[in-house]
Amino acid sequence: MVDKATNEFWRDLNPIANPFKPHALPEAFIANAASEDERLYVPFTDTVSSRPLWISPSANKWCDILMAKKAGLVNRHYHPHEVFAYTISGKWGYLEHDWTATKGDFVYETPGEGHTLVAFEHEEPMRVFFIVSGPLIWLDEQGNSAGHFDVHDYIAMCEAHYEKMGFGADVIKGLMR
């Protein structure tokens, strides 16, 4: 239950008695989503990790916090669907663009955009909240398709890591909606 109000003007307002429609799933609440606990971050590449927060297998979509503690790289890829990003800390960008994101910056990636994600050396680790729709299509140096990574690959990667960390693979099922 939400904390009890003390001085707020709405303190006597009662909550909705039945907030969920029939068949609605519960919300996903994750305290301290950008945690310092590195066990929660799944290695995505040799230098970048992902903390899963929400996963939709049926929509081929996920939300995560991407983290790099030092210089990092996610190889060339493009997204056939939109992606949203909000920078929590650190410094990152795409080699193909003329901007560099730091704390508080927002990025909207249009469908079909190819890029190479890089994290810079910075006093704070790069932590970026991403909403990823659809697969990542890996690209070779000429920009041709060289494979893909979708929500099912993401789930398998997360389950294997969480099992290895002792949390159990089923933790990931609790993030699925």
N, C-alpha and C. Protein backbone atom coordinates (compact mmCIF):
# COMPACT_ATOMS: atom_id res chain seq x y z
N MET A 1 0.85 -1.18 0.00
CA MET A 1 0.00 0.00 0.00
C MET A 1 0.89 1.24 0.00
N VAL A 2 0.43 2.24 -0.68
CA VAL A 2 1.15 3.51 -0.75
C VAL A 2 1.29 4.10 0.66
N ASP A 3 2.34 4.86 0.88
CA ASP A 3 2.53 5.52 2.18
C ASP A 3 1.31 6.35 2.54
N LYS A 4 1.05 6.46 3.83
CA LYS A 4 -0.07 7.26 4.32
C LYS A 4 0.28 8.74 4.20
N ALA A 5 -0.65 9.49 3.66
CA ALA A 5 -0.46 10.94 3.52
C ALA A 5 -0.56 11.61 4.89
N THR A 6 0.16 12.69 5.05
CA THR A 6 0.09 13.43 6.31
C THR A 6 -0.48 14.82 6.09
N ASN A 7 0.19 15.62 5.27
CA ASN A 7 -0.25 17.00 5.04
C ASN A 7 -0.79 17.25 3.63
N GLU A 8 -0.72 16.24 2.77
CA GLU A 8 -1.13 16.41 1.38
C GLU A 8 -2.63 16.70 1.29
N PHE A 9 -3.02 17.55 0.36
CA PHE A 9 -4.42 17.94 0.23
C PHE A 9 -5.34 16.75 -0.05
N TRP A 10 -4.81 15.68 -0.57
CA TRP A 10 -5.62 14.52 -0.94
C TRP A 10 -5.64 13.43 0.14
N ARG A 11 -5.15 13.73 1.32
CA ARG A 11 -4.96 12.72 2.37
C ARG A 11 -6.23 11.96 2.75
N ASP A 12 -7.41 12.52 2.57
CA ASP A 12 -8.65 11.83 2.94
C ASP A 12 -9.31 11.12 1.75
N LEU A 13 -8.64 11.12 0.61
CA LEU A 13 -9.17 10.47 -0.58
C LEU A 13 -9.02 8.96 -0.45
N ASN A 14 -10.07 8.21 -0.70
CA ASN A 14 -10.03 6.76 -0.64
C ASN A 14 -9.60 6.17 -1.98
N PRO A 15 -8.85 5.07 -1.95
CA PRO A 15 -8.45 4.43 -3.21
C PRO A 15 -9.63 3.75 -3.88
N ILE A 16 -9.50 3.48 -5.16
CA ILE A 16 -10.51 2.74 -5.91
C ILE A 16 -10.61 1.35 -5.30
N ALA A 17 -11.83 0.89 -5.04
CA ALA A 17 -12.04 -0.40 -4.37
C ALA A 17 -11.58 -1.58 -5.24
N ASN A 18 -11.85 -1.55 -6.52
CA ASN A 18 -11.48 -2.64 -7.44
C ASN A 18 -10.72 -2.05 -8.62
N PRO A 19 -9.42 -1.79 -8.46
CA PRO A 19 -8.68 -1.06 -9.49
C PRO A 19 -8.41 -1.86 -10.77
N PHE A 20 -8.44 -3.21 -10.70
CA PHE A 20 -8.10 -4.00 -11.87
C PHE A 20 -9.35 -4.49 -12.59
N LYS A 21 -9.35 -4.33 -13.89
CA LYS A 21 -10.42 -4.89 -14.71
C LYS A 21 -10.26 -6.42 -14.71
N PRO A 22 -11.33 -7.15 -15.01
CA PRO A 22 -11.21 -8.61 -15.08
C PRO A 22 -10.10 -9.01 -16.05
N HIS A 23 -9.29 -9.96 -15.67
CA HIS A 23 -8.20 -10.51 -16.47
C HIS A 23 -6.97 -9.61 -16.54
N ALA A 24 -7.00 -8.47 -15.89
CA ALA A 24 -5.83 -7.60 -15.88
C ALA A 24 -4.74 -8.21 -15.00
N LEU A 25 -3.52 -8.08 -15.44
CA LEU A 25 -2.39 -8.56 -14.64
C LEU A 25 -1.94 -7.45 -13.69
N PRO A 26 -1.28 -7.82 -12.61
CA PRO A 26 -0.81 -6.79 -11.67
C PRO A 26 0.30 -5.94 -12.30
N GLU A 27 0.47 -4.76 -11.76
CA GLU A 27 1.55 -3.89 -12.20
C GLU A 27 2.89 -4.54 -11.84
N ALA A 28 3.94 -4.03 -12.44
CA ALA A 28 5.28 -4.47 -12.08
C ALA A 28 5.94 -3.31 -11.34
N PHE A 29 6.26 -3.51 -10.08
CA PHE A 29 6.95 -2.50 -9.28
C PHE A 29 8.32 -3.05 -8.92
N ILE A 30 9.35 -2.33 -9.29
CA ILE A 30 10.71 -2.75 -8.98
C ILE A 30 11.39 -1.60 -8.25
N ALA A 31 11.61 -1.79 -6.97
CA ALA A 31 12.30 -0.77 -6.18
C ALA A 31 13.77 -0.72 -6.60
N ASN A 32 14.33 0.46 -6.59
CA ASN A 32 15.74 0.65 -6.89
C ASN A 32 16.13 -0.02 -8.21
N ALA A 33 15.40 0.31 -9.27
CA ALA A 33 15.61 -0.33 -10.58
C ALA A 33 17.04 -0.18 -11.08
N ALA A 34 17.66 0.96 -10.82
CA ALA A 34 19.05 1.19 -11.28
C ALA A 34 20.04 0.78 -10.19
N SER A 35 19.78 -0.35 -9.58
CA SER A 35 20.56 -0.86 -8.46
C SER A 35 22.06 -0.93 -8.75
N GLU A 36 22.84 -0.87 -7.68
CA GLU A 36 24.30 -1.04 -7.77
C GLU A 36 24.67 -2.53 -7.77
N ASP A 37 23.73 -3.41 -7.46
CA ASP A 37 24.00 -4.84 -7.36
C ASP A 37 24.25 -5.42 -8.76
N GLU A 38 25.50 -5.66 -9.08
CA GLU A 38 25.88 -6.10 -10.42
C GLU A 38 25.32 -7.47 -10.78
N ARG A 39 24.93 -8.28 -9.80
CA ARG A 39 24.37 -9.60 -10.09
C ARG A 39 23.04 -9.49 -10.84
N LEU A 40 22.37 -8.34 -10.70
CA LEU A 40 21.08 -8.14 -11.35
C LEU A 40 21.21 -7.79 -12.84
N TYR A 41 22.44 -7.45 -13.26
CA TYR A 41 22.69 -7.05 -14.64
C TYR A 41 23.21 -8.24 -15.43
N VAL A 42 22.54 -8.52 -16.53
CA VAL A 42 22.86 -9.66 -17.38
C VAL A 42 23.87 -9.20 -18.44
N PRO A 43 25.01 -9.89 -18.57
CA PRO A 43 25.96 -9.50 -19.61
C PRO A 43 25.31 -9.56 -20.99
N PHE A 44 25.34 -8.44 -21.68
CA PHE A 44 24.76 -8.33 -23.03
C PHE A 44 25.87 -8.42 -24.07
N THR A 45 26.99 -7.76 -23.78
CA THR A 45 28.22 -7.89 -24.55
C THR A 45 29.34 -8.03 -23.52
N ASP A 46 30.57 -8.03 -23.97
CA ASP A 46 31.69 -8.13 -23.04
C ASP A 46 31.79 -6.91 -22.13
N THR A 47 31.22 -5.77 -22.54
CA THR A 47 31.39 -4.52 -21.81
C THR A 47 30.09 -3.85 -21.38
N VAL A 48 28.95 -4.41 -21.75
CA VAL A 48 27.64 -3.80 -21.46
C VAL A 48 26.71 -4.87 -20.89
N SER A 49 25.96 -4.50 -19.85
CA SER A 49 25.01 -5.42 -19.20
C SER A 49 23.62 -4.81 -19.19
N SER A 50 22.62 -5.66 -18.97
CA SER A 50 21.23 -5.26 -19.00
C SER A 50 20.50 -5.76 -17.77
N ARG A 51 19.79 -4.85 -17.10
CA ARG A 51 18.91 -5.28 -16.01
C ARG A 51 17.48 -5.33 -16.53
N PRO A 52 16.92 -6.54 -16.67
CA PRO A 52 15.54 -6.62 -17.15
C PRO A 52 14.56 -6.07 -16.12
N LEU A 53 13.58 -5.30 -16.61
CA LEU A 53 12.57 -4.72 -15.73
C LEU A 53 11.16 -5.17 -16.10
N TRP A 54 10.92 -5.38 -17.38
CA TRP A 54 9.60 -5.74 -17.88
C TRP A 54 9.80 -6.42 -19.23
N ILE A 55 9.07 -7.52 -19.45
CA ILE A 55 9.23 -8.28 -20.69
C ILE A 55 7.86 -8.68 -21.21
N SER A 56 7.63 -8.49 -22.50
CA SER A 56 6.40 -8.94 -23.14
C SER A 56 6.75 -9.86 -24.31
N PRO A 57 6.70 -11.17 -24.08
CA PRO A 57 6.98 -12.09 -25.18
C PRO A 57 6.01 -11.92 -26.35
N SER A 58 4.74 -11.69 -26.06
CA SER A 58 3.74 -11.59 -27.14
C SER A 58 3.92 -10.33 -27.99
N ALA A 59 4.47 -9.27 -27.41
CA ALA A 59 4.71 -8.03 -28.16
C ALA A 59 6.15 -7.93 -28.66
N ASN A 60 6.99 -8.91 -28.32
CA ASN A 60 8.42 -8.88 -28.67
C ASN A 60 9.02 -7.54 -28.21
N LYS A 61 8.87 -7.28 -26.90
CA LYS A 61 9.23 -5.98 -26.34
C LYS A 61 9.79 -6.18 -24.94
N TRP A 62 10.72 -5.30 -24.55
CA TRP A 62 11.22 -5.34 -23.17
C TRP A 62 11.69 -3.96 -22.74
N CYS A 63 11.76 -3.77 -21.42
CA CYS A 63 12.33 -2.58 -20.80
C CYS A 63 13.50 -3.05 -19.96
N ASP A 64 14.57 -2.27 -19.99
CA ASP A 64 15.73 -2.63 -19.20
C ASP A 64 16.53 -1.39 -18.85
N ILE A 65 17.52 -1.60 -18.00
CA ILE A 65 18.53 -0.58 -17.76
C ILE A 65 19.82 -1.15 -18.31
N LEU A 66 20.34 -0.48 -19.32
CA LEU A 66 21.60 -0.89 -19.92
C LEU A 66 22.71 -0.20 -19.14
N MET A 67 23.76 -0.96 -18.77
CA MET A 67 24.82 -0.40 -17.94
C MET A 67 26.19 -0.76 -18.50
N ALA A 68 27.09 0.22 -18.46
CA ALA A 68 28.51 0.00 -18.74
C ALA A 68 29.28 0.74 -17.67
N LYS A 69 30.16 0.02 -16.95
CA LYS A 69 30.92 0.63 -15.87
C LYS A 69 32.15 1.38 -16.37
N LYS A 70 32.53 1.14 -17.61
CA LYS A 70 33.66 1.81 -18.26
C LYS A 70 33.32 1.89 -19.74
N ALA A 71 34.30 2.16 -20.57
CA ALA A 71 34.03 2.22 -22.02
C ALA A 71 33.34 0.93 -22.45
N GLY A 72 32.26 1.07 -23.22
CA GLY A 72 31.48 -0.09 -23.62
C GLY A 72 31.00 0.01 -25.05
N LEU A 73 30.53 -1.12 -25.57
CA LEU A 73 30.10 -1.20 -26.96
C LEU A 73 29.00 -2.22 -27.12
N VAL A 74 27.93 -1.83 -27.86
CA VAL A 74 26.94 -2.77 -28.38
C VAL A 74 27.09 -2.67 -29.89
N ASN A 75 27.45 -3.76 -30.53
CA ASN A 75 27.79 -3.76 -31.95
C ASN A 75 26.69 -3.18 -32.84
N ARG A 76 27.08 -2.91 -34.08
CA ARG A 76 26.17 -2.33 -35.07
C ARG A 76 24.86 -3.11 -35.14
N HIS A 77 23.78 -2.37 -35.15
CA HIS A 77 22.47 -3.00 -35.29
C HIS A 77 21.45 -1.95 -35.72
N TYR A 78 20.30 -2.41 -36.15
CA TYR A 78 19.19 -1.49 -36.36
C TYR A 78 17.94 -2.11 -35.76
N HIS A 79 16.95 -1.25 -35.55
CA HIS A 79 15.68 -1.66 -34.97
C HIS A 79 14.59 -1.44 -36.02
N PRO A 80 13.81 -2.48 -36.35
CA PRO A 80 12.70 -2.27 -37.26
C PRO A 80 11.50 -1.59 -36.59
N HIS A 81 11.60 -1.41 -35.27
CA HIS A 81 10.53 -0.74 -34.52
C HIS A 81 11.15 0.35 -33.65
N GLU A 82 10.33 1.20 -33.07
CA GLU A 82 10.83 2.32 -32.28
C GLU A 82 11.46 1.86 -30.97
N VAL A 83 12.37 2.70 -30.48
CA VAL A 83 13.04 2.48 -29.20
C VAL A 83 13.07 3.82 -28.47
N PHE A 84 12.86 3.79 -27.15
CA PHE A 84 12.94 4.97 -26.30
C PHE A 84 14.07 4.78 -25.31
N ALA A 85 14.79 5.86 -24.99
CA ALA A 85 15.89 5.77 -24.03
C ALA A 85 15.91 7.02 -23.15
N TYR A 86 16.15 6.81 -21.85
CA TYR A 86 16.31 7.91 -20.91
C TYR A 86 17.60 7.66 -20.12
N THR A 87 18.50 8.63 -20.16
CA THR A 87 19.80 8.47 -19.52
C THR A 87 19.72 8.78 -18.03
N ILE A 88 20.07 7.78 -17.22
CA ILE A 88 20.08 7.92 -15.76
C ILE A 88 21.41 8.48 -15.29
N SER A 89 22.50 7.97 -15.88
CA SER A 89 23.85 8.42 -15.50
C SER A 89 24.83 8.06 -16.60
N GLY A 90 26.02 8.62 -16.50
CA GLY A 90 27.08 8.30 -17.44
C GLY A 90 26.99 9.08 -18.74
N LYS A 91 27.67 8.55 -19.74
CA LYS A 91 27.80 9.24 -21.03
C LYS A 91 27.83 8.18 -22.14
N TRP A 92 26.98 8.35 -23.14
CA TRP A 92 26.89 7.38 -24.22
C TRP A 92 26.39 8.05 -25.49
N GLY A 93 26.46 7.32 -26.59
CA GLY A 93 25.94 7.83 -27.85
C GLY A 93 26.03 6.76 -28.92
N TYR A 94 25.76 7.19 -30.16
CA TYR A 94 25.88 6.32 -31.33
C TYR A 94 26.94 6.92 -32.24
N LEU A 95 27.83 6.09 -32.75
CA LEU A 95 28.88 6.59 -33.62
C LEU A 95 28.31 7.32 -34.84
N GLU A 96 27.11 6.97 -35.23
CA GLU A 96 26.50 7.51 -36.44
C GLU A 96 25.79 8.85 -36.22
N HIS A 97 25.75 9.36 -35.00
CA HIS A 97 25.01 10.61 -34.73
C HIS A 97 25.92 11.67 -34.14
N ASP A 98 25.44 12.90 -34.16
CA ASP A 98 26.26 14.04 -33.70
C ASP A 98 25.92 14.48 -32.28
N TRP A 99 25.24 13.66 -31.50
CA TRP A 99 24.92 13.99 -30.12
C TRP A 99 25.56 12.97 -29.18
N THR A 100 25.73 13.38 -27.94
CA THR A 100 26.20 12.50 -26.86
C THR A 100 25.25 12.69 -25.69
N ALA A 101 24.72 11.59 -25.17
CA ALA A 101 23.74 11.66 -24.10
C ALA A 101 24.41 11.57 -22.73
N THR A 102 23.92 12.39 -21.81
CA THR A 102 24.35 12.35 -20.41
C THR A 102 23.09 12.40 -19.54
N LYS A 103 23.29 12.39 -18.24
CA LYS A 103 22.20 12.32 -17.27
C LYS A 103 21.05 13.27 -17.64
N GLY A 104 19.85 12.70 -17.69
CA GLY A 104 18.65 13.48 -17.96
C GLY A 104 18.26 13.55 -19.43
N ASP A 105 19.09 13.07 -20.34
CA ASP A 105 18.79 13.15 -21.77
C ASP A 105 17.86 12.02 -22.20
N PHE A 106 16.98 12.35 -23.16
CA PHE A 106 16.00 11.42 -23.72
C PHE A 106 16.31 11.23 -25.20
N VAL A 107 16.15 10.00 -25.68
CA VAL A 107 16.36 9.69 -27.09
C VAL A 107 15.18 8.87 -27.60
N TYR A 108 14.66 9.26 -28.76
CA TYR A 108 13.67 8.46 -29.47
C TYR A 108 14.34 7.96 -30.74
N GLU A 109 14.36 6.65 -30.91
CA GLU A 109 14.96 6.05 -32.10
C GLU A 109 13.85 5.65 -33.06
N THR A 110 13.91 6.17 -34.27
CA THR A 110 12.89 5.85 -35.26
C THR A 110 13.09 4.44 -35.81
N PRO A 111 12.01 3.79 -36.23
CA PRO A 111 12.14 2.46 -36.82
C PRO A 111 13.08 2.52 -38.03
N GLY A 112 13.94 1.51 -38.14
CA GLY A 112 14.85 1.41 -39.27
C GLY A 112 16.17 2.12 -39.10
N GLU A 113 16.43 2.69 -37.94
CA GLU A 113 17.68 3.41 -37.70
C GLU A 113 18.78 2.45 -37.32
N GLY A 114 19.91 2.52 -38.04
CA GLY A 114 21.07 1.71 -37.71
C GLY A 114 22.06 2.53 -36.90
N HIS A 115 22.73 1.88 -35.95
CA HIS A 115 23.70 2.60 -35.12
C HIS A 115 24.62 1.64 -34.37
N THR A 116 25.65 2.22 -33.79
CA THR A 116 26.62 1.50 -32.97
C THR A 116 26.65 2.19 -31.62
N LEU A 117 26.15 1.54 -30.57
CA LEU A 117 26.08 2.16 -29.25
C LEU A 117 27.45 2.08 -28.59
N VAL A 118 27.92 3.24 -28.11
CA VAL A 118 29.18 3.31 -27.38
C VAL A 118 28.96 4.00 -26.04
N ALA A 119 29.61 3.48 -25.01
CA ALA A 119 29.63 4.11 -23.68
C ALA A 119 31.02 4.67 -23.47
N PHE A 120 31.09 5.89 -22.93
CA PHE A 120 32.35 6.58 -22.70
C PHE A 120 32.87 6.31 -21.29
N GLU A 121 34.18 6.49 -21.12
CA GLU A 121 34.75 6.54 -19.78
C GLU A 121 34.11 7.73 -19.08
N HIS A 122 33.67 7.56 -17.85
CA HIS A 122 32.96 8.63 -17.14
C HIS A 122 33.06 8.35 -15.65
N GLU A 123 32.91 9.39 -14.81
CA GLU A 123 32.98 9.18 -13.36
C GLU A 123 31.82 8.33 -12.85
N GLU A 124 30.70 8.32 -13.57
CA GLU A 124 29.56 7.48 -13.22
C GLU A 124 29.36 6.43 -14.31
N PRO A 125 28.91 5.24 -13.94
CA PRO A 125 28.63 4.25 -14.98
C PRO A 125 27.51 4.73 -15.89
N MET A 126 27.55 4.31 -17.15
CA MET A 126 26.43 4.58 -18.05
C MET A 126 25.27 3.69 -17.60
N ARG A 127 24.15 4.31 -17.29
CA ARG A 127 22.91 3.60 -17.01
C ARG A 127 21.81 4.29 -17.81
N VAL A 128 21.19 3.53 -18.68
CA VAL A 128 20.16 4.08 -19.56
C VAL A 128 18.94 3.17 -19.50
N PHE A 129 17.78 3.77 -19.26
CA PHE A 129 16.52 3.04 -19.28
C PHE A 129 16.05 2.98 -20.73
N PHE A 130 15.90 1.77 -21.26
CA PHE A 130 15.45 1.56 -22.63
C PHE A 130 14.10 0.87 -22.66
N ILE A 131 13.27 1.24 -23.63
CA ILE A 131 12.07 0.51 -24.01
C ILE A 131 12.34 0.05 -25.44
N VAL A 132 12.52 -1.26 -25.59
CA VAL A 132 12.90 -1.83 -26.89
C VAL A 132 11.70 -2.57 -27.46
N SER A 133 11.29 -2.18 -28.67
CA SER A 133 10.19 -2.84 -29.37
C SER A 133 10.77 -3.64 -30.53
N GLY A 134 10.49 -4.92 -30.56
CA GLY A 134 10.95 -5.76 -31.66
C GLY A 134 12.41 -6.15 -31.52
N PRO A 135 12.92 -6.82 -32.54
CA PRO A 135 14.29 -7.34 -32.46
C PRO A 135 15.34 -6.28 -32.77
N LEU A 136 16.57 -6.61 -32.40
CA LEU A 136 17.75 -5.90 -32.89
C LEU A 136 18.24 -6.73 -34.07
N ILE A 137 18.50 -6.09 -35.19
CA ILE A 137 19.06 -6.77 -36.35
C ILE A 137 20.54 -6.41 -36.39
N TRP A 138 21.40 -7.40 -36.13
CA TRP A 138 22.84 -7.15 -36.14
C TRP A 138 23.29 -6.84 -37.55
N LEU A 139 24.24 -5.92 -37.69
CA LEU A 139 24.73 -5.49 -39.00
C LEU A 139 26.22 -5.75 -39.13
N ASP A 140 26.65 -6.07 -40.34
CA ASP A 140 28.08 -6.20 -40.59
C ASP A 140 28.64 -4.81 -40.94
N GLU A 141 29.93 -4.75 -41.28
CA GLU A 141 30.57 -3.45 -41.53
C GLU A 141 29.97 -2.71 -42.73
N GLN A 142 29.33 -3.42 -43.64
CA GLN A 142 28.68 -2.79 -44.79
C GLN A 142 27.22 -2.44 -44.51
N GLY A 143 26.74 -2.75 -43.32
CA GLY A 143 25.36 -2.45 -42.96
C GLY A 143 24.36 -3.52 -43.38
N ASN A 144 24.86 -4.69 -43.76
CA ASN A 144 23.98 -5.80 -44.14
C ASN A 144 23.62 -6.63 -42.91
N SER A 145 22.44 -7.23 -42.94
CA SER A 145 21.97 -8.05 -41.83
C SER A 145 22.94 -9.20 -41.56
N ALA A 146 23.25 -9.39 -40.27
CA ALA A 146 24.18 -10.45 -39.87
C ALA A 146 23.61 -11.25 -38.70
N GLY A 147 22.28 -11.28 -38.57
CA GLY A 147 21.64 -12.00 -37.48
C GLY A 147 20.66 -11.12 -36.74
N HIS A 148 20.03 -11.69 -35.74
CA HIS A 148 19.04 -10.91 -34.97
C HIS A 148 19.08 -11.32 -33.50
N PHE A 149 18.46 -10.48 -32.67
CA PHE A 149 18.32 -10.71 -31.24
C PHE A 149 16.94 -10.21 -30.87
N ASP A 150 16.05 -11.11 -30.46
CA ASP A 150 14.70 -10.69 -30.12
C ASP A 150 14.36 -11.00 -28.67
N VAL A 151 13.12 -10.80 -28.29
CA VAL A 151 12.70 -10.97 -26.90
C VAL A 151 12.94 -12.39 -26.40
N HIS A 152 12.84 -13.37 -27.29
CA HIS A 152 13.04 -14.76 -26.87
C HIS A 152 14.52 -15.02 -26.56
N ASP A 153 15.41 -14.41 -27.36
CA ASP A 153 16.84 -14.48 -27.05
C ASP A 153 17.13 -13.77 -25.74
N TYR A 154 16.46 -12.61 -25.53
CA TYR A 154 16.65 -11.83 -24.31
C TYR A 154 16.22 -12.64 -23.09
N ILE A 155 15.06 -13.30 -23.18
CA ILE A 155 14.56 -14.10 -22.06
C ILE A 155 15.54 -15.23 -21.74
N ALA A 156 16.00 -15.95 -22.75
CA ALA A 156 16.93 -17.07 -22.53
C ALA A 156 18.22 -16.57 -21.89
N MET A 157 18.74 -15.44 -22.36
CA MET A 157 19.96 -14.87 -21.81
C MET A 157 19.77 -14.50 -20.34
N CYS A 158 18.65 -13.87 -20.02
CA CYS A 158 18.36 -13.45 -18.65
C CYS A 158 18.15 -14.65 -17.74
N GLU A 159 17.39 -15.65 -18.20
CA GLU A 159 17.15 -16.84 -17.38
C GLU A 159 18.47 -17.54 -17.04
N ALA A 160 19.34 -17.69 -18.03
CA ALA A 160 20.63 -18.37 -17.79
C ALA A 160 21.47 -17.61 -16.77
N HIS A 161 21.50 -16.28 -16.89
CA HIS A 161 22.29 -15.48 -15.96
C HIS A 161 21.71 -15.54 -14.54
N TYR A 162 20.40 -15.39 -14.42
CA TYR A 162 19.79 -15.39 -13.09
C TYR A 162 19.91 -16.76 -12.42
N GLU A 163 19.88 -17.82 -13.21
CA GLU A 163 20.12 -19.16 -12.67
C GLU A 163 21.55 -19.25 -12.14
N LYS A 164 22.50 -18.76 -12.93
CA LYS A 164 23.92 -18.79 -12.54
C LYS A 164 24.17 -17.96 -11.28
N MET A 165 23.44 -16.85 -11.11
CA MET A 165 23.60 -15.98 -9.95
C MET A 165 22.91 -16.52 -8.70
N GLY A 166 22.13 -17.60 -8.85
CA GLY A 166 21.46 -18.20 -7.70
C GLY A 166 20.06 -17.65 -7.45
N PHE A 167 19.57 -16.76 -8.31
CA PHE A 167 18.21 -16.24 -8.15
C PHE A 167 17.18 -17.21 -8.69
N GLY A 168 17.58 -18.03 -9.65
CA GLY A 168 16.67 -18.95 -10.33
C GLY A 168 16.12 -18.32 -11.59
N ALA A 169 15.97 -19.15 -12.62
CA ALA A 169 15.48 -18.67 -13.91
C ALA A 169 14.04 -18.16 -13.83
N ASP A 170 13.27 -18.66 -12.87
CA ASP A 170 11.86 -18.27 -12.76
C ASP A 170 11.67 -16.80 -12.39
N VAL A 171 12.71 -16.14 -11.89
CA VAL A 171 12.60 -14.71 -11.57
C VAL A 171 12.14 -13.95 -12.81
N ILE A 172 12.61 -14.36 -13.96
CA ILE A 172 12.28 -13.68 -15.21
C ILE A 172 10.79 -13.79 -15.51
N LYS A 173 10.18 -14.91 -15.17
CA LYS A 173 8.74 -15.07 -15.41
C LYS A 173 7.93 -14.00 -14.68
N GLY A 174 8.41 -13.56 -13.53
CA GLY A 174 7.73 -12.51 -12.76
C GLY A 174 7.77 -11.14 -13.43
N LEU A 175 8.63 -10.98 -14.43
CA LEU A 175 8.72 -9.71 -15.15
C LEU A 175 7.87 -9.70 -16.42
N MET A 176 7.32 -10.86 -16.77
CA MET A 176 6.56 -10.98 -18.02
C MET A 176 5.12 -10.54 -17.86
N ARG A 177 4.69 -9.76 -18.81
CA ARG A 177 3.31 -9.31 -18.86
C ARG A 177 2.82 -9.44 -20.28
